[in-house]
Amino acid sequence: MTKLIVNADDFGYCKGINLGIIECFQNGVVTSATLMANMPGAEHAAALAKEIQGLGVGVHLVLTCGHPVRSDVPSLVREDGEFHRIGDMPKFAEPADIEKELNSQMERFLSLGLKPTHIDSHHHVHGLEKVSPIVEKIAKKHGVPVRRLEDSLHGYTEIKTTDRLITDFFGSNLTTNHLIDILDSSLSSETVEIMCHPGYIDEAILTGSSYALPRVKEMSILTDPAIQKAIAVRNIQLVSYKELGNRV
């Protein structure tokens, strides 16, 4: 039986995203989310997760969106105090600053009263050469899995993960039929994660993200009863990282 995690990224970005993810958990197939501890909606997201219960919540480490949680990581930010764009971050970011910031984001997450189920990252920065050894240390320290990237863990050792990560439920591939095709392609793997980005649109996401309107389309598909039926008839088990235990 395939164990499937449907993880919603960007939990904590803003209230619209938070409420959309909860909607997809309560009335759809989302089982897991990863929280951006540095973003304005982090406390709101944590409060929702604690109130509703059952949603697996991991850490969405951030080096390319918003402001750092620390004020002493100059190589990570532009003149305006915001993180560098993804294209510039690897060029400017110093490992010492990366380590300080990511550890502080984990501490911030824990201060919200949540227990992390796993780690992933915004724009997949945990796969970058400067970042991956630091994330490996954090994962080992806290005993949590890390999201698989492509067909490897970019040099990670002794880190739990799923057998497969699917990233193409995104952009122009947002249809119910495509998601069903993804389900069919997952049946040969024991543990699979599908990455998604659902959310309601509010001012923060509309003005702050290049990926805005498609989030509503994701919501409609992830809450489509046809998807729930397709999962049931294929005998796929919906889980979160916390339910996989040593099988990750």
Protein backbone atom coordinates (compact mmCIF):
# COMPACT_ATOMS: atom_id res chain seq x y z
CA MET A 1 0.00 0.00 0.00
CA THR A 2 1.29 3.43 -0.95
CA LYS A 3 1.50 5.95 1.88
CA LEU A 4 0.86 9.44 0.53
CA ILE A 5 1.71 12.78 2.13
CA VAL A 6 0.07 15.82 0.54
CA ASN A 7 2.10 18.73 1.91
CA ALA A 8 1.02 22.35 1.60
CA ASP A 9 3.99 24.70 1.56
CA ASP A 10 3.98 28.34 2.76
CA PHE A 11 1.89 27.87 5.93
CA GLY A 12 2.39 31.09 7.86
CA TYR A 13 2.92 33.34 4.84
CA CYS A 14 -0.34 35.17 5.53
CA LYS A 15 -3.88 34.56 6.81
CA GLY A 16 -5.26 33.80 3.34
CA ILE A 17 -2.74 31.02 2.78
CA ASN A 18 -3.26 29.67 6.29
CA LEU A 19 -7.05 29.48 5.95
CA GLY A 20 -6.79 27.88 2.52
CA ILE A 21 -4.48 25.17 3.80
CA ILE A 22 -6.82 24.43 6.71
CA GLU A 23 -9.73 24.21 4.27
CA CYS A 24 -7.83 21.67 2.19
CA PHE A 25 -7.02 19.67 5.33
CA GLN A 26 -10.56 19.66 6.69
CA ASN A 27 -12.40 19.16 3.40
CA GLY A 28 -9.76 17.79 1.05
CA VAL A 29 -6.68 15.62 0.84
CA VAL A 30 -3.96 17.82 2.39
CA THR A 31 -2.41 15.97 5.34
CA SER A 32 0.62 18.10 6.10
CA ALA A 33 1.93 21.65 5.93
CA THR A 34 5.26 23.39 6.41
CA LEU A 35 5.39 26.66 8.31
CA MET A 36 7.48 29.75 7.47
CA ALA A 37 8.54 30.88 10.93
CA ASN A 38 9.86 34.22 9.65
CA MET A 39 6.63 35.38 8.00
CA PRO A 40 3.87 37.60 9.43
CA GLY A 41 1.26 34.83 9.46
CA ALA A 42 3.31 32.35 11.50
CA GLU A 43 1.51 32.86 14.81
CA HIS A 44 -1.88 32.67 13.10
CA ALA A 45 -0.87 29.43 11.39
CA ALA A 46 0.34 27.88 14.63
CA ALA A 47 -2.86 28.84 16.44
CA LEU A 48 -4.96 27.22 13.71
CA ALA A 49 -2.87 24.05 13.78
CA LYS A 50 -3.17 23.72 17.56
CA GLU A 51 -6.90 24.42 17.52
CA ILE A 52 -7.79 21.98 14.75
CA GLN A 53 -5.40 19.12 15.54
CA GLY A 54 -4.41 16.33 13.16
CA LEU A 55 -2.54 18.38 10.57
CA GLY A 56 1.14 17.43 10.43
CA VAL A 57 3.19 20.62 10.62
CA GLY A 58 6.84 20.81 9.65
CA VAL A 59 9.31 23.65 9.15
CA HIS A 60 9.57 25.50 5.83
CA LEU A 61 13.06 26.98 6.18
CA VAL A 62 13.39 30.34 4.43
CA LEU A 63 16.33 32.21 2.96
CA THR A 64 14.64 33.88 -0.03
CA CYS A 65 11.36 35.44 1.16
CA GLY A 66 10.60 38.19 3.65
CA HIS A 67 12.93 39.17 6.49
CA PRO A 68 15.17 36.97 8.62
CA VAL A 69 14.23 36.39 12.23
CA ARG A 70 17.72 37.56 13.25
CA SER A 71 19.24 41.01 12.87
CA ASP A 72 22.86 39.89 12.75
CA VAL A 73 23.02 38.00 9.44
CA PRO A 74 24.16 40.72 7.01
CA SER A 75 25.21 38.41 4.19
CA LEU A 76 21.65 37.10 3.89
CA VAL A 77 19.91 40.40 3.20
CA ARG A 78 19.74 43.25 0.73
CA GLU A 79 19.94 46.93 1.68
CA ASP A 80 16.22 46.95 2.50
CA GLY A 81 16.68 44.19 5.08
CA GLU A 82 14.86 41.52 3.09
CA PHE A 83 16.39 38.23 2.01
CA HIS A 84 18.17 38.09 -1.34
CA ARG A 85 16.27 36.69 -4.29
CA ILE A 86 16.87 33.01 -5.01
CA GLY A 87 19.21 33.87 -7.90
CA ASP A 88 21.47 35.98 -5.69
CA MET A 89 21.32 34.18 -2.35
CA PRO A 90 23.94 31.47 -3.08
CA LYS A 91 26.38 34.16 -4.22
CA PHE A 92 26.14 36.36 -1.13
CA ALA A 93 25.09 34.13 1.76
CA GLU A 94 27.82 33.09 4.18
CA PRO A 95 27.51 29.66 5.83
CA ALA A 96 27.88 31.11 9.34
CA ASP A 97 24.93 33.45 8.76
CA ILE A 98 22.89 30.67 7.16
CA GLU A 99 23.44 28.44 10.17
CA LYS A 100 22.52 31.16 12.65
CA GLU A 101 19.36 32.08 10.79
CA LEU A 102 18.09 28.56 10.14
CA ASN A 103 18.68 27.51 13.74
CA SER A 104 16.79 30.61 14.86
CA GLN A 105 13.91 29.78 12.54
CA MET A 106 13.71 26.32 14.10
CA GLU A 107 13.76 27.89 17.56
CA ARG A 108 11.04 30.32 16.50
CA PHE A 109 8.94 27.40 15.26
CA LEU A 110 9.34 25.58 18.57
CA SER A 111 8.44 28.74 20.49
CA LEU A 112 5.03 28.68 18.78
CA GLY A 113 4.23 25.50 20.67
CA LEU A 114 4.50 23.11 17.76
CA LYS A 115 6.49 19.90 17.37
CA PRO A 116 8.00 19.66 13.88
CA THR A 117 7.16 16.61 11.81
CA HIS A 118 9.84 17.28 9.19
CA ILE A 119 11.86 19.92 7.35
CA ASP A 120 11.68 21.33 3.84
CA SER A 121 12.50 24.77 2.44
CA HIS A 122 11.25 27.67 0.37
CA HIS A 123 12.54 27.41 -3.21
CA HIS A 124 14.21 24.10 -2.21
CA VAL A 125 17.22 25.93 -0.79
CA HIS A 126 18.04 22.93 1.41
CA GLY A 127 19.42 21.30 -1.72
CA LEU A 128 22.05 24.00 -2.23
CA GLU A 129 25.68 23.19 -1.47
CA LYS A 130 26.02 25.92 1.17
CA VAL A 131 22.76 25.01 2.88
CA SER A 132 22.39 21.25 2.84
CA PRO A 133 25.05 20.41 5.49
CA ILE A 134 23.43 22.91 7.86
CA VAL A 135 19.96 21.47 7.33
CA GLU A 136 21.38 17.98 7.84
CA LYS A 137 22.71 19.05 11.25
CA ILE A 138 19.39 20.60 12.22
CA ALA A 139 17.47 17.51 11.13
CA LYS A 140 19.74 15.21 13.10
CA LYS A 141 19.57 17.43 16.18
CA HIS A 142 15.77 17.39 16.19
CA GLY A 143 15.33 13.87 14.86
CA VAL A 144 13.10 14.78 11.93
CA PRO A 145 12.93 13.76 8.25
CA VAL A 146 13.83 16.09 5.40
CA ARG A 147 12.00 16.49 2.09
CA ARG A 148 13.61 14.50 -0.70
CA LEU A 149 14.88 16.50 -3.64
CA GLU A 150 14.89 14.80 -7.03
CA ASP A 151 16.48 11.35 -6.73
CA SER A 152 18.91 12.12 -3.94
CA LEU A 153 19.36 14.00 -0.72
CA HIS A 154 22.29 16.00 -2.09
CA GLY A 155 24.84 14.28 0.07
CA TYR A 156 22.75 13.93 3.22
CA THR A 157 23.43 10.82 5.29
CA GLU A 158 21.32 9.12 7.91
CA ILE A 159 18.37 11.38 7.11
CA LYS A 160 14.88 9.99 6.78
CA THR A 161 12.81 10.90 3.74
CA THR A 162 10.14 9.55 1.43
CA ASP A 163 10.84 7.30 -1.52
CA ARG A 164 9.64 9.98 -3.90
CA LEU A 165 8.75 13.68 -4.10
CA ILE A 166 6.35 14.96 -6.76
CA THR A 167 6.62 18.68 -7.55
CA ASP A 168 4.65 19.09 -10.78
CA PHE A 169 1.22 19.76 -9.28
CA PHE A 170 1.91 23.39 -10.01
CA GLY A 171 1.26 26.18 -12.49
CA SER A 172 -0.08 24.96 -15.81
CA ASN A 173 -0.49 21.39 -14.51
CA LEU A 174 -3.41 22.22 -12.21
CA THR A 175 -6.21 19.88 -13.24
CA THR A 176 -8.07 17.10 -11.49
CA ASN A 177 -7.06 14.66 -14.20
CA HIS A 178 -3.39 15.51 -13.83
CA LEU A 179 -3.54 14.94 -10.09
CA ILE A 180 -5.18 11.57 -10.71
CA ASP A 181 -2.35 10.75 -13.14
CA ILE A 182 0.09 11.63 -10.36
CA LEU A 183 -1.71 9.24 -8.04
CA ASP A 184 -1.40 6.47 -10.62
CA SER A 185 2.33 7.16 -11.02
CA SER A 186 2.76 6.91 -7.23
CA LEU A 187 1.53 3.35 -6.86
CA SER A 188 4.96 1.81 -7.42
CA SER A 189 6.44 3.65 -4.42
CA GLU A 190 5.92 2.89 -0.76
CA THR A 191 6.09 6.48 0.49
CA VAL A 192 5.37 9.55 -1.64
CA GLU A 193 5.06 13.27 -1.00
CA ILE A 194 3.08 15.57 -3.28
CA MET A 195 4.03 19.22 -2.84
CA CYS A 196 1.25 21.77 -3.21
CA HIS A 197 0.56 25.48 -2.59
CA PRO A 198 -3.15 26.07 -1.89
CA GLY A 199 -4.52 29.25 -0.40
CA TYR A 200 -7.14 31.95 -0.43
CA ILE A 201 -6.04 35.20 -2.03
CA ASP A 202 -5.62 38.19 0.25
CA GLU A 203 -3.69 41.44 -0.12
CA ALA A 204 -0.46 39.97 1.24
CA ILE A 205 -0.26 37.13 -1.27
CA LEU A 206 -1.62 39.15 -4.18
CA THR A 207 1.05 41.83 -3.81
CA GLY A 208 3.87 39.71 -2.39
CA SER A 209 3.98 36.54 -4.47
CA SER A 210 4.32 35.79 -8.17
CA TYR A 211 2.32 32.61 -7.53
CA ALA A 212 -1.05 33.94 -6.37
CA LEU A 213 -4.17 33.10 -8.38
CA PRO A 214 -3.17 29.46 -9.06
CA ARG A 215 -3.39 28.81 -5.32
CA VAL A 216 -7.18 29.08 -5.52
CA LYS A 217 -7.19 26.59 -8.39
CA GLU A 218 -5.12 24.21 -6.28
CA MET A 219 -7.69 24.52 -3.51
CA SER A 220 -10.54 23.57 -5.81
CA ILE A 221 -8.72 20.44 -6.99
CA LEU A 222 -7.43 19.37 -3.59
CA THR A 223 -11.00 19.55 -2.21
CA ASP A 224 -12.60 17.89 -5.25
CA PRO A 225 -14.47 14.73 -4.15
CA ALA A 226 -13.17 13.03 -7.31
CA ILE A 227 -9.65 13.14 -5.85
CA GLN A 228 -10.76 11.62 -2.57
CA LYS A 229 -12.54 8.87 -4.49
CA ALA A 230 -9.48 8.24 -6.69
CA ILE A 231 -7.32 7.84 -3.57
CA ALA A 232 -9.80 5.44 -2.00
CA VAL A 233 -10.20 3.18 -5.03
CA ARG A 234 -6.43 2.94 -5.43
CA ASN A 235 -6.07 1.88 -1.80
CA ILE A 236 -3.69 4.77 -1.12
CA GLN A 237 -3.26 5.67 2.55
CA LEU A 238 -3.17 9.38 3.34
CA VAL A 239 -0.63 10.11 6.08
CA SER A 240 1.66 12.85 7.32
CA TYR A 241 5.35 12.61 8.15
CA LYS A 242 4.56 12.04 11.82
CA GLU A 243 2.69 8.84 10.94
CA LEU A 244 5.46 7.33 8.87
CA GLY A 245 7.86 6.83 11.76
CA ASN A 246 10.79 4.59 10.91
CA ARG A 247 9.31 3.74 7.53
CA VAL A 248 10.41 7.07 6.08
